[in-house]
């Protein structure tokens, strides 16, 4: 479960909790695929891909679009 950053703040940045779930999970999958392609088995500081995606959303590096 994600504790930092707070889920309510993340949902506000994306628009809804549903959209947050979709965006964060897609980004986490991308991170896992990139790591597998590069032969990386562990993420820095043992962070999980979903936590990295959540932090990217919180930092404004990742935004949701209506495509």
N, C-alpha and C. Protein backbone atom coordinates (compact mmCIF):
# COMPACT_ATOMS: atom_id res chain seq x y z
N UNK A 1 0.84 -1.18 0.00
CA UNK A 1 0.00 0.00 0.00
C UNK A 1 0.88 1.24 0.00
N UNK A 2 0.45 2.23 -0.70
CA UNK A 2 1.20 3.48 -0.80
C UNK A 2 0.82 4.38 0.38
N UNK A 3 1.84 4.83 1.13
CA UNK A 3 1.59 5.75 2.25
C UNK A 3 2.13 7.14 1.94
N UNK A 4 3.23 7.18 1.23
CA UNK A 4 3.83 8.45 0.86
C UNK A 4 4.03 8.42 -0.64
N UNK A 5 3.62 9.35 -1.34
CA UNK A 5 2.75 10.48 -1.00
C UNK A 5 1.32 10.03 -0.75
N UNK A 6 0.53 10.84 -0.04
CA UNK A 6 -0.85 10.47 0.28
C UNK A 6 -1.71 10.26 -0.97
N UNK A 7 -2.50 9.22 -0.93
CA UNK A 7 -3.32 8.85 -2.09
C UNK A 7 -4.30 9.95 -2.46
N UNK A 8 -4.87 10.63 -1.48
CA UNK A 8 -5.82 11.71 -1.78
C UNK A 8 -5.15 12.84 -2.57
N UNK A 9 -3.92 13.15 -2.23
CA UNK A 9 -3.19 14.20 -2.97
C UNK A 9 -2.87 13.74 -4.38
N UNK A 10 -2.50 12.47 -4.53
CA UNK A 10 -2.23 11.93 -5.86
C UNK A 10 -3.49 11.95 -6.72
N UNK A 11 -4.62 11.57 -6.13
CA UNK A 11 -5.88 11.55 -6.87
C UNK A 11 -6.26 12.96 -7.33
N UNK A 12 -5.99 13.96 -6.51
CA UNK A 12 -6.28 15.34 -6.90
C UNK A 12 -5.43 15.75 -8.11
N UNK A 13 -4.19 15.32 -8.14
CA UNK A 13 -3.30 15.67 -9.26
C UNK A 13 -3.74 15.02 -10.56
N UNK A 14 -4.28 13.79 -10.47
CA UNK A 14 -4.68 13.05 -11.66
C UNK A 14 -6.13 13.32 -12.05
N UNK A 15 -6.99 13.50 -11.06
CA UNK A 15 -8.39 13.79 -11.37
C UNK A 15 -9.37 12.89 -10.63
N UNK A 16 -9.00 11.64 -10.42
CA UNK A 16 -9.86 10.72 -9.67
C UNK A 16 -9.02 9.54 -9.20
N UNK A 17 -9.55 8.81 -8.24
CA UNK A 17 -8.83 7.63 -7.74
C UNK A 17 -8.77 6.54 -8.81
N UNK A 18 -9.81 6.44 -9.63
CA UNK A 18 -9.80 5.46 -10.71
C UNK A 18 -8.69 5.77 -11.70
N UNK A 19 -8.61 7.02 -12.13
CA UNK A 19 -7.57 7.42 -13.08
C UNK A 19 -6.19 7.24 -12.46
N UNK A 20 -6.07 7.53 -11.18
CA UNK A 20 -4.80 7.33 -10.48
C UNK A 20 -4.37 5.87 -10.56
N UNK A 21 -5.29 4.98 -10.32
CA UNK A 21 -5.01 3.54 -10.37
C UNK A 21 -4.53 3.14 -11.76
N UNK A 22 -5.20 3.61 -12.79
CA UNK A 22 -4.85 3.26 -14.16
C UNK A 22 -3.48 3.81 -14.53
N UNK A 23 -3.25 5.09 -14.26
CA UNK A 23 -1.99 5.73 -14.63
C UNK A 23 -0.82 5.12 -13.87
N UNK A 24 -0.98 4.94 -12.58
CA UNK A 24 0.11 4.40 -11.76
C UNK A 24 0.43 2.96 -12.15
N UNK A 25 -0.58 2.16 -12.43
CA UNK A 25 -0.32 0.77 -12.78
C UNK A 25 0.34 0.65 -14.15
N UNK A 26 -0.08 1.48 -15.10
CA UNK A 26 0.56 1.46 -16.42
C UNK A 26 2.03 1.87 -16.32
N UNK A 27 2.30 2.89 -15.53
CA UNK A 27 3.69 3.34 -15.36
C UNK A 27 4.52 2.29 -14.64
N UNK A 28 3.95 1.64 -13.63
CA UNK A 28 4.67 0.60 -12.92
C UNK A 28 5.02 -0.55 -13.86
N UNK A 29 4.09 -0.91 -14.75
CA UNK A 29 4.38 -1.96 -15.73
C UNK A 29 5.51 -1.54 -16.67
N UNK A 30 5.50 -0.27 -17.09
CA UNK A 30 6.57 0.24 -17.94
C UNK A 30 7.92 0.12 -17.24
N UNK A 31 7.95 0.50 -15.97
CA UNK A 31 9.19 0.44 -15.21
C UNK A 31 9.70 -0.99 -15.10
N UNK A 32 8.79 -1.93 -14.86
CA UNK A 32 9.18 -3.34 -14.75
C UNK A 32 9.71 -3.86 -16.08
N UNK A 33 9.06 -3.50 -17.18
CA UNK A 33 9.52 -3.94 -18.50
C UNK A 33 10.89 -3.37 -18.82
N UNK A 34 11.09 -2.09 -18.52
CA UNK A 34 12.38 -1.46 -18.77
C UNK A 34 13.48 -2.15 -17.96
N UNK A 35 13.18 -2.47 -16.71
CA UNK A 35 14.17 -3.13 -15.85
C UNK A 35 14.49 -4.52 -16.40
N UNK A 36 13.49 -5.25 -16.83
CA UNK A 36 13.72 -6.59 -17.38
C UNK A 36 14.55 -6.52 -18.65
N UNK A 37 14.28 -5.54 -19.51
CA UNK A 37 15.03 -5.39 -20.75
C UNK A 37 16.50 -5.05 -20.50
N UNK A 38 16.76 -4.37 -19.39
CA UNK A 38 18.13 -3.99 -19.05
C UNK A 38 18.80 -5.01 -18.15
N UNK A 39 18.08 -6.06 -17.78
CA UNK A 39 18.64 -7.09 -16.91
C UNK A 39 18.72 -6.71 -15.46
N UNK A 40 17.96 -5.71 -15.07
CA UNK A 40 17.95 -5.27 -13.67
C UNK A 40 16.94 -6.11 -12.90
N UNK A 41 17.37 -6.65 -11.76
CA UNK A 41 16.46 -7.48 -10.97
C UNK A 41 15.90 -6.74 -9.76
N UNK A 42 16.62 -5.74 -9.26
CA UNK A 42 16.15 -4.98 -8.10
C UNK A 42 16.16 -3.49 -8.42
N UNK A 43 15.17 -2.79 -7.91
CA UNK A 43 15.11 -1.35 -8.08
C UNK A 43 15.93 -0.67 -6.99
N UNK A 44 16.37 0.56 -7.24
CA UNK A 44 17.17 1.27 -6.23
C UNK A 44 16.43 1.36 -4.89
N UNK A 45 17.15 1.17 -3.82
CA UNK A 45 16.62 1.26 -2.46
C UNK A 45 15.48 0.27 -2.23
N UNK A 46 15.42 -0.81 -3.02
CA UNK A 46 14.37 -1.83 -2.92
C UNK A 46 12.97 -1.24 -3.02
N UNK A 47 12.83 -0.15 -3.78
CA UNK A 47 11.51 0.44 -4.00
C UNK A 47 10.72 -0.41 -4.97
N UNK A 48 9.44 -0.42 -4.80
CA UNK A 48 8.57 -1.13 -5.72
C UNK A 48 8.20 -0.21 -6.88
N UNK A 49 7.97 -0.78 -8.06
CA UNK A 49 7.63 0.05 -9.22
C UNK A 49 6.41 0.93 -8.99
N UNK A 50 5.43 0.46 -8.26
CA UNK A 50 4.24 1.27 -7.99
C UNK A 50 4.58 2.48 -7.12
N UNK A 51 5.48 2.31 -6.18
CA UNK A 51 5.91 3.43 -5.34
C UNK A 51 6.66 4.47 -6.16
N UNK A 52 7.48 4.00 -7.09
CA UNK A 52 8.21 4.91 -7.97
C UNK A 52 7.23 5.68 -8.85
N UNK A 53 6.23 4.98 -9.39
CA UNK A 53 5.22 5.64 -10.22
C UNK A 53 4.45 6.68 -9.42
N UNK A 54 4.09 6.35 -8.18
CA UNK A 54 3.36 7.30 -7.33
C UNK A 54 4.19 8.54 -7.07
N UNK A 55 5.48 8.36 -6.83
CA UNK A 55 6.33 9.51 -6.58
C UNK A 55 6.47 10.37 -7.83
N UNK A 56 6.52 9.73 -9.00
CA UNK A 56 6.59 10.48 -10.26
C UNK A 56 5.33 11.32 -10.45
N UNK A 57 4.18 10.76 -10.11
CA UNK A 57 2.92 11.51 -10.22
C UNK A 57 2.95 12.69 -9.26
N UNK A 58 3.37 12.45 -8.03
CA UNK A 58 3.41 13.49 -7.02
C UNK A 58 4.37 14.62 -7.42
N UNK A 59 5.48 14.26 -8.03
CA UNK A 59 6.47 15.25 -8.45
C UNK A 59 6.09 15.98 -9.73
N UNK A 60 5.00 15.57 -10.36
CA UNK A 60 4.55 16.22 -11.58
C UNK A 60 5.25 15.72 -12.83
N UNK A 61 6.00 14.62 -12.72
CA UNK A 61 6.70 14.06 -13.87
C UNK A 61 5.77 13.22 -14.74
N UNK A 62 4.62 12.88 -14.20
CA UNK A 62 3.67 12.01 -14.88
C UNK A 62 2.28 12.62 -14.78
N UNK A 63 1.61 12.81 -15.90
CA UNK A 63 0.27 13.38 -15.90
C UNK A 63 -0.67 12.48 -16.71
N UNK A 64 -1.95 12.61 -16.42
CA UNK A 64 -2.95 11.83 -17.14
C UNK A 64 -3.53 12.67 -18.28
N UNK A 65 -3.74 12.02 -19.41
CA UNK A 65 -4.41 12.68 -20.54
C UNK A 65 -5.60 11.86 -20.95
N UNK A 66 -6.53 12.47 -21.62
CA UNK A 66 -7.72 11.76 -22.10
C UNK A 66 -7.48 11.31 -23.54
N UNK A 67 -6.88 10.15 -23.67
CA UNK A 67 -6.62 9.60 -25.00
C UNK A 67 -7.55 8.46 -25.30
